[in-house]
Amino acid sequence: MNYVISPLDYAISPVVYTILLVDYATSPVGYAISCVDYAITSVNYAISSVGFEISCVGYAISSVDYAILPMECYQG
């Protein structure tokens, strides 16, 4: 039985070694993709933060306009 298993094991071994080698070679690619994904997420977060700040400024300006409007009507 060992005569059958040993050649089979010998035949499979390079395949396993190749799979491990490919996995090891592609590992930095996966890491790079996750880094890029993280960078994109950070940029999106920064853009949404800026958008939120702009909307806050817009809200403040419209509040000032809303406060000034009755005064203008009262003076006019």
PDB file of N, CA and C in Angstrom:
ATOM      1  N   MET A   1       0.835  -1.202   0.000  1.00  0.00           N
ATOM      2  CA  MET A   1       0.000   0.000   0.000  1.00  0.00           C
ATOM      3  C   MET A   1       0.873   1.258   0.000  1.00  0.00           C
ATOM      4  N   ASN A   2       1.963   1.181   0.705  1.00  0.00           N
ATOM      5  CA  ASN A   2       2.880   2.301   0.804  1.00  0.00           C
ATOM      6  C   ASN A   2       3.496   2.630  -0.554  1.00  0.00           C
ATOM      7  N   TYR A   3       3.619   1.626  -1.413  1.00  0.00           N
ATOM      8  CA  TYR A   3       4.165   1.825  -2.751  1.00  0.00           C
ATOM      9  C   TYR A   3       3.229   2.680  -3.617  1.00  0.00           C
ATOM     10  N   VAL A   4       1.952   2.654  -3.303  1.00  0.00           N
ATOM     11  CA  VAL A   4       0.958   3.446  -4.037  1.00  0.00           C
ATOM     12  C   VAL A   4       0.914   4.875  -3.488  1.00  0.00           C
ATOM     13  N   ILE A   5       0.906   5.006  -2.157  1.00  0.00           N
ATOM     14  CA  ILE A   5       0.770   6.307  -1.508  1.00  0.00           C
ATOM     15  C   ILE A   5       2.005   7.188  -1.746  1.00  0.00           C
ATOM     16  N   SER A   6       3.162   6.616  -1.665  1.00  0.00           N
ATOM     17  CA  SER A   6       4.390   7.386  -1.784  1.00  0.00           C
ATOM     18  C   SER A   6       4.548   8.091  -3.131  1.00  0.00           C
ATOM     19  N   PRO A   7       4.353   7.401  -4.282  1.00  0.00           N
ATOM     20  CA  PRO A   7       4.436   8.115  -5.566  1.00  0.00           C
ATOM     21  C   PRO A   7       3.351   9.183  -5.726  1.00  0.00           C
ATOM     22  N   LEU A   8       2.153   8.872  -5.178  1.00  0.00           N
ATOM     23  CA  LEU A   8       1.045   9.813  -5.244  1.00  0.00           C
ATOM     24  C   LEU A   8       1.388  11.079  -4.445  1.00  0.00           C
ATOM     25  N   ASP A   9       1.936  10.868  -3.273  1.00  0.00           N
ATOM     26  CA  ASP A   9       2.369  11.971  -2.424  1.00  0.00           C
ATOM     27  C   ASP A   9       3.456  12.784  -3.126  1.00  0.00           C
ATOM     28  N   TYR A  10       4.345  12.097  -3.774  1.00  0.00           N
ATOM     29  CA  TYR A  10       5.440  12.737  -4.512  1.00  0.00           C
ATOM     30  C   TYR A  10       4.890  13.557  -5.688  1.00  0.00           C
ATOM     31  N   ALA A  11       3.816  13.083  -6.300  1.00  0.00           N
ATOM     32  CA  ALA A  11       3.202  13.778  -7.433  1.00  0.00           C
ATOM     33  C   ALA A  11       2.425  15.007  -6.963  1.00  0.00           C
ATOM     34  N   ILE A  12       1.764  14.908  -5.817  1.00  0.00           N
ATOM     35  CA  ILE A  12       0.943  16.003  -5.302  1.00  0.00           C
ATOM     36  C   ILE A  12       1.806  17.112  -4.687  1.00  0.00           C
ATOM     37  N   SER A  13       2.916  16.751  -4.130  1.00  0.00           N
ATOM     38  CA  SER A  13       3.776  17.692  -3.418  1.00  0.00           C
ATOM     39  C   SER A  13       4.128  18.960  -4.213  1.00  0.00           C
ATOM     40  N   PRO A  14       4.565  18.858  -5.486  1.00  0.00           N
ATOM     41  CA  PRO A  14       4.840  20.089  -6.247  1.00  0.00           C
ATOM     42  C   PRO A  14       3.605  20.968  -6.444  1.00  0.00           C
ATOM     43  N   VAL A  15       2.439  20.332  -6.575  1.00  0.00           N
ATOM     44  CA  VAL A  15       1.186  21.080  -6.744  1.00  0.00           C
ATOM     45  C   VAL A  15       0.903  21.895  -5.486  1.00  0.00           C
ATOM     46  N   VAL A  16       1.017  21.249  -4.338  1.00  0.00           N
ATOM     47  CA  VAL A  16       0.799  21.921  -3.054  1.00  0.00           C
ATOM     48  C   VAL A  16       1.811  23.050  -2.883  1.00  0.00           C
ATOM     49  N   TYR A  17       3.052  22.767  -3.218  1.00  0.00           N
ATOM     50  CA  TYR A  17       4.115  23.765  -3.111  1.00  0.00           C
ATOM     51  C   TYR A  17       3.821  24.959  -4.022  1.00  0.00           C
ATOM     52  N   THR A  18       3.334  24.700  -5.222  1.00  0.00           N
ATOM     53  CA  THR A  18       2.987  25.766  -6.174  1.00  0.00           C
ATOM     54  C   THR A  18       1.833  26.610  -5.648  1.00  0.00           C
ATOM     55  N   ILE A  19       0.827  25.943  -5.084  1.00  0.00           N
ATOM     56  CA  ILE A  19      -0.329  26.663  -4.520  1.00  0.00           C
ATOM     57  C   ILE A  19       0.125  27.573  -3.380  1.00  0.00           C
ATOM     58  N   LEU A  20       0.970  27.070  -2.505  1.00  0.00           N
ATOM     59  CA  LEU A  20       1.487  27.856  -1.389  1.00  0.00           C
ATOM     60  C   LEU A  20       2.315  29.038  -1.890  1.00  0.00           C
ATOM     61  N   LEU A  21       3.103  28.783  -2.932  1.00  0.00           N
ATOM     62  CA  LEU A  21       3.941  29.838  -3.516  1.00  0.00           C
ATOM     63  C   LEU A  21       3.089  30.942  -4.138  1.00  0.00           C
ATOM     64  N   VAL A  22       2.051  30.557  -4.863  1.00  0.00           N
ATOM     65  CA  VAL A  22       1.126  31.518  -5.473  1.00  0.00           C
ATOM     66  C   VAL A  22       0.401  32.314  -4.390  1.00  0.00           C
ATOM     67  N   ASP A  23      -0.016  31.620  -3.346  1.00  0.00           N
ATOM     68  CA  ASP A  23      -0.695  32.265  -2.221  1.00  0.00           C
ATOM     69  C   ASP A  23       0.234  33.292  -1.565  1.00  0.00           C
ATOM     70  N   TYR A  24       1.481  32.914  -1.384  1.00  0.00           N
ATOM     71  CA  TYR A  24       2.473  33.806  -0.785  1.00  0.00           C
ATOM     72  C   TYR A  24       2.746  35.006  -1.692  1.00  0.00           C
ATOM     73  N   ALA A  25       2.771  34.767  -2.992  1.00  0.00           N
ATOM     74  CA  ALA A  25       3.038  35.840  -3.955  1.00  0.00           C
ATOM     75  C   ALA A  25       1.872  36.821  -4.059  1.00  0.00           C
ATOM     76  N   THR A  26       0.652  36.292  -3.957  1.00  0.00           N
ATOM     77  CA  THR A  26      -0.523  37.161  -4.081  1.00  0.00           C
ATOM     78  C   THR A  26      -0.901  37.840  -2.768  1.00  0.00           C
ATOM     79  N   SER A  27      -0.333  37.403  -1.677  1.00  0.00           N
ATOM     80  CA  SER A  27      -0.628  37.993  -0.369  1.00  0.00           C
ATOM     81  C   SER A  27      -0.352  39.500  -0.315  1.00  0.00           C
ATOM     82  N   PRO A  28       0.800  39.985  -0.813  1.00  0.00           N
ATOM     83  CA  PRO A  28       1.016  41.445  -0.824  1.00  0.00           C
ATOM     84  C   PRO A  28       0.002  42.198  -1.672  1.00  0.00           C
ATOM     85  N   VAL A  29      -0.502  41.552  -2.728  1.00  0.00           N
ATOM     86  CA  VAL A  29      -1.519  42.173  -3.576  1.00  0.00           C
ATOM     87  C   VAL A  29      -2.792  42.404  -2.771  1.00  0.00           C
ATOM     88  N   GLY A  30      -3.192  41.372  -2.030  1.00  0.00           N
ATOM     89  CA  GLY A  30      -4.363  41.494  -1.162  1.00  0.00           C
ATOM     90  C   GLY A  30      -4.172  42.577  -0.124  1.00  0.00           C
ATOM     91  N   TYR A  31      -2.973  42.640   0.425  1.00  0.00           N
ATOM     92  CA  TYR A  31      -2.657  43.676   1.426  1.00  0.00           C
ATOM     93  C   TYR A  31      -2.711  45.056   0.799  1.00  0.00           C
ATOM     94  N   ALA A  32      -2.172  45.191  -0.410  1.00  0.00           N
ATOM     95  CA  ALA A  32      -2.190  46.475  -1.117  1.00  0.00           C
ATOM     96  C   ALA A  32      -3.622  46.907  -1.430  1.00  0.00           C
ATOM     97  N   ILE A  33      -4.447  45.958  -1.847  1.00  0.00           N
ATOM     98  CA  ILE A  33      -5.860  46.253  -2.151  1.00  0.00           C
ATOM     99  C   ILE A  33      -6.572  46.744  -0.895  1.00  0.00           C
ATOM    100  N   SER A  34      -6.319  46.089   0.236  1.00  0.00           N
ATOM    101  CA  SER A  34      -6.968  46.515   1.479  1.00  0.00           C
ATOM    102  C   SER A  34      -6.472  47.898   1.904  1.00  0.00           C
ATOM    103  N   CYS A  35      -5.199  48.201   1.640  1.00  0.00           N
ATOM    104  CA  CYS A  35      -4.662  49.541   1.948  1.00  0.00           C
ATOM    105  C   CYS A  35      -5.324  50.601   1.070  1.00  0.00           C
ATOM    106  N   VAL A  36      -5.478  50.296  -0.205  1.00  0.00           N
ATOM    107  CA  VAL A  36      -6.146  51.218  -1.135  1.00  0.00           C
ATOM    108  C   VAL A  36      -7.601  51.415  -0.718  1.00  0.00           C
ATOM    109  N   ASP A  37      -8.256  50.327  -0.347  1.00  0.00           N
ATOM    110  CA  ASP A  37      -9.645  50.387   0.116  1.00  0.00           C
ATOM    111  C   ASP A  37      -9.760  51.278   1.350  1.00  0.00           C
ATOM    112  N   TYR A  38      -8.803  51.124   2.258  1.00  0.00           N
ATOM    113  CA  TYR A  38      -8.793  51.940   3.476  1.00  0.00           C
ATOM    114  C   TYR A  38      -8.578  53.411   3.128  1.00  0.00           C
ATOM    115  N   ALA A  39      -7.678  53.676   2.170  1.00  0.00           N
ATOM    116  CA  ALA A  39      -7.409  55.054   1.751  1.00  0.00           C
ATOM    117  C   ALA A  39      -8.641  55.684   1.105  1.00  0.00           C
ATOM    118  N   ILE A  40      -9.335  54.917   0.269  1.00  0.00           N
ATOM    119  CA  ILE A  40     -10.562  55.405  -0.382  1.00  0.00           C
ATOM    120  C   ILE A  40     -11.627  55.708   0.669  1.00  0.00           C
ATOM    121  N   THR A  41     -11.755  54.815   1.647  1.00  0.00           N
ATOM    122  CA  THR A  41     -12.723  55.019   2.734  1.00  0.00           C
ATOM    123  C   THR A  41     -12.387  56.293   3.505  1.00  0.00           C
ATOM    124  N   SER A  42     -11.099  56.505   3.766  1.00  0.00           N
ATOM    125  CA  SER A  42     -10.662  57.707   4.483  1.00  0.00           C
ATOM    126  C   SER A  42     -10.979  58.971   3.688  1.00  0.00           C
ATOM    127  N   VAL A  43     -10.743  58.926   2.387  1.00  0.00           N
ATOM    128  CA  VAL A  43     -11.036  60.070   1.509  1.00  0.00           C
ATOM    129  C   VAL A  43     -12.542  60.332   1.486  1.00  0.00           C
ATOM    130  N   ASN A  44     -13.326  59.273   1.355  1.00  0.00           N
ATOM    131  CA  ASN A  44     -14.790  59.419   1.375  1.00  0.00           C
ATOM    132  C   ASN A  44     -15.272  60.031   2.678  1.00  0.00           C
ATOM    133  N   TYR A  45     -14.665  59.588   3.782  1.00  0.00           N
ATOM    134  CA  TYR A  45     -15.028  60.114   5.095  1.00  0.00           C
ATOM    135  C   TYR A  45     -14.673  61.603   5.186  1.00  0.00           C
ATOM    136  N   ALA A  46     -13.497  61.954   4.659  1.00  0.00           N
ATOM    137  CA  ALA A  46     -13.073  63.355   4.669  1.00  0.00           C
ATOM    138  C   ALA A  46     -14.005  64.217   3.821  1.00  0.00           C
ATOM    139  N   ILE A  47     -14.396  63.709   2.655  1.00  0.00           N
ATOM    140  CA  ILE A  47     -15.309  64.443   1.765  1.00  0.00           C
ATOM    141  C   ILE A  47     -16.664  64.633   2.437  1.00  0.00           C
ATOM    142  N   SER A  48     -17.160  63.582   3.084  1.00  0.00           N
ATOM    143  CA  SER A  48     -18.461  63.697   3.749  1.00  0.00           C
ATOM    144  C   SER A  48     -18.372  64.654   4.938  1.00  0.00           C
ATOM    145  N   SER A  49     -17.213  64.694   5.595  1.00  0.00           N
ATOM    146  CA  SER A  49     -17.018  65.642   6.700  1.00  0.00           C
ATOM    147  C   SER A  49     -17.038  67.077   6.187  1.00  0.00           C
ATOM    148  N   VAL A  50     -16.365  67.305   5.065  1.00  0.00           N
ATOM    149  CA  VAL A  50     -16.357  68.637   4.450  1.00  0.00           C
ATOM    150  C   VAL A  50     -17.770  69.017   4.026  1.00  0.00           C
ATOM    151  N   GLY A  51     -18.476  68.078   3.429  1.00  0.00           N
ATOM    152  CA  GLY A  51     -19.867  68.310   3.034  1.00  0.00           C
ATOM    153  C   GLY A  51     -20.732  68.678   4.221  1.00  0.00           C
ATOM    154  N   PHE A  52     -20.505  68.004   5.335  1.00  0.00           N
ATOM    155  CA  PHE A  52     -21.261  68.293   6.550  1.00  0.00           C
ATOM    156  C   PHE A  52     -20.937  69.702   7.064  1.00  0.00           C
ATOM    157  N   GLU A  53     -19.644  70.057   7.027  1.00  0.00           N
ATOM    158  CA  GLU A  53     -19.233  71.402   7.465  1.00  0.00           C
ATOM    159  C   GLU A  53     -19.839  72.475   6.566  1.00  0.00           C
ATOM    160  N   ILE A  54     -19.845  72.231   5.255  1.00  0.00           N
ATOM    161  CA  ILE A  54     -20.436  73.190   4.308  1.00  0.00           C
ATOM    162  C   ILE A  54     -21.929  73.363   4.590  1.00  0.00           C
ATOM    163  N   SER A  55     -22.611  72.239   4.847  1.00  0.00           N
ATOM    164  CA  SER A  55     -24.048  72.339   5.141  1.00  0.00           C
ATOM    165  C   SER A  55     -24.284  73.076   6.458  1.00  0.00           C
ATOM    166  N   CYS A  56     -23.372  72.926   7.421  1.00  0.00           N
ATOM    167  CA  CYS A  56     -23.489  73.661   8.685  1.00  0.00           C
ATOM    168  C   CYS A  56     -23.306  75.160   8.453  1.00  0.00           C
ATOM    169  N   VAL A  57     -22.328  75.504   7.622  1.00  0.00           N
ATOM    170  CA  VAL A  57     -22.099  76.915   7.275  1.00  0.00           C
ATOM    171  C   VAL A  57     -23.315  77.469   6.546  1.00  0.00           C
ATOM    172  N   GLY A  58     -23.833  76.689   5.602  1.00  0.00           N
ATOM    173  CA  GLY A  58     -25.040  77.094   4.870  1.00  0.00           C
ATOM    174  C   GLY A  58     -26.220  77.298   5.801  1.00  0.00           C
ATOM    175  N   TYR A  59     -26.350  76.423   6.759  1.00  0.00           N
ATOM    176  CA  TYR A  59     -27.431  76.532   7.746  1.00  0.00           C
ATOM    177  C   TYR A  59     -27.253  77.794   8.595  1.00  0.00           C
ATOM    178  N   ALA A  60     -26.003  78.083   8.977  1.00  0.00           N
ATOM    179  CA  ALA A  60     -25.718  79.279   9.780  1.00  0.00           C
ATOM    180  C   ALA A  60     -26.033  80.544   8.981  1.00  0.00           C
ATOM    181  N   ILE A  61     -25.640  80.560   7.703  1.00  0.00           N
ATOM    182  CA  ILE A  61     -25.910  81.729   6.843  1.00  0.00           C
ATOM    183  C   ILE A  61     -27.414  81.932   6.683  1.00  0.00           C
ATOM    184  N   SER A  62     -28.146  80.842   6.450  1.00  0.00           N
ATOM    185  CA  SER A  62     -29.594  80.971   6.274  1.00  0.00           C
ATOM    186  C   SER A  62     -30.258  81.400   7.583  1.00  0.00           C
ATOM    187  N   SER A  63     -29.711  80.983   8.714  1.00  0.00           N
ATOM    188  CA  SER A  63     -30.233  81.434  10.010  1.00  0.00           C
ATOM    189  C   SER A  63     -30.035  82.930  10.183  1.00  0.00           C
ATOM    190  N   VAL A  64     -28.859  83.418   9.789  1.00  0.00           N
ATOM    191  CA  VAL A  64     -28.569  84.857   9.858  1.00  0.00           C
ATOM    192  C   VAL A  64     -29.520  85.615   8.925  1.00  0.00           C
ATOM    193  N   ASP A  65     -29.691  85.101   7.711  1.00  0.00           N
ATOM    194  CA  ASP A  65     -30.622  85.710   6.756  1.00  0.00           C
ATOM    195  C   ASP A  65     -32.038  85.752   7.328  1.00  0.00           C
ATOM    196  N   TYR A  66     -32.413  84.669   7.955  1.00  0.00           N
ATOM    197  CA  TYR A  66     -33.753  84.569   8.538  1.00  0.00           C
ATOM    198  C   TYR A  66     -33.921  85.566   9.688  1.00  0.00           C
ATOM    199  N   ALA A  67     -32.829  85.809  10.418  1.00  0.00           N
ATOM    200  CA  ALA A  67     -32.874  86.766  11.529  1.00  0.00           C
ATOM    201  C   ALA A  67     -32.897  88.207  11.017  1.00  0.00           C
ATOM    202  N   ILE A  68     -32.179  88.463   9.920  1.00  0.00           N
ATOM    203  CA  ILE A  68     -32.095  89.819   9.358  1.00  0.00           C
ATOM    204  C   ILE A  68     -33.395  90.205   8.649  1.00  0.00           C
ATOM    205  N   LEU A  69     -34.034  89.253   8.016  1.00  0.00           N
ATOM    206  CA  LEU A  69     -35.225  89.503   7.210  1.00  0.00           C
ATOM    207  C   LEU A  69     -36.330  90.264   7.970  1.00  0.00           C
ATOM    208  N   PRO A  70     -36.717  89.868   9.167  1.00  0.00           N
ATOM    209  CA  PRO A  70     -37.743  90.649   9.882  1.00  0.00           C
ATOM    210  C   PRO A  70     -37.300  92.083  10.176  1.00  0.00           C
ATOM    211  N   MET A  71     -35.992  92.259  10.427  1.00  0.00           N
ATOM    212  CA  MET A  71     -35.470  93.614  10.691  1.00  0.00           C
ATOM    213  C   MET A  71     -35.615  94.504   9.461  1.00  0.00           C
ATOM    214  N   GLU A  72     -35.294  93.912   8.298  1.00  0.00           N
ATOM    215  CA  GLU A  72     -35.417  94.673   7.050  1.00  0.00           C
ATOM    216  C   GLU A  72     -36.874  95.044   6.784  1.00  0.00           C
ATOM    217  N   CYS A  73     -37.751  94.110   7.052  1.00  0.00           N
ATOM    218  CA  CYS A  73     -39.181  94.377   6.859  1.00  0.00           C
ATOM    219  C   CYS A  73     -39.645  95.456   7.843  1.00  0.00           C
ATOM    220  N   TYR A  74     -39.151  95.410   9.033  1.00  0.00           N
ATOM    221  CA  TYR A  74     -39.552  96.367  10.073  1.00  0.00           C
ATOM    222  C   TYR A  74     -39.062  97.781   9.738  1.00  0.00           C
ATOM    223  N   GLN A  75     -37.805  97.855   9.201  1.00  0.00           N
ATOM    224  CA  GLN A  75     -37.238  99.162   8.840  1.00  0.00           C
ATOM    225  C   GLN A  75     -37.892  99.709   7.581  1.00  0.00           C
ATOM    226  N   GLY A  76     -38.218  98.807   6.648  1.00  0.00           N
ATOM    227  CA  GLY A  76     -38.754  99.222   5.359  1.00  0.00           C
ATOM    228  C   GLY A  76     -40.138  99.778   5.515  1.00  0.00           C
TER     229      GLY A  76
END
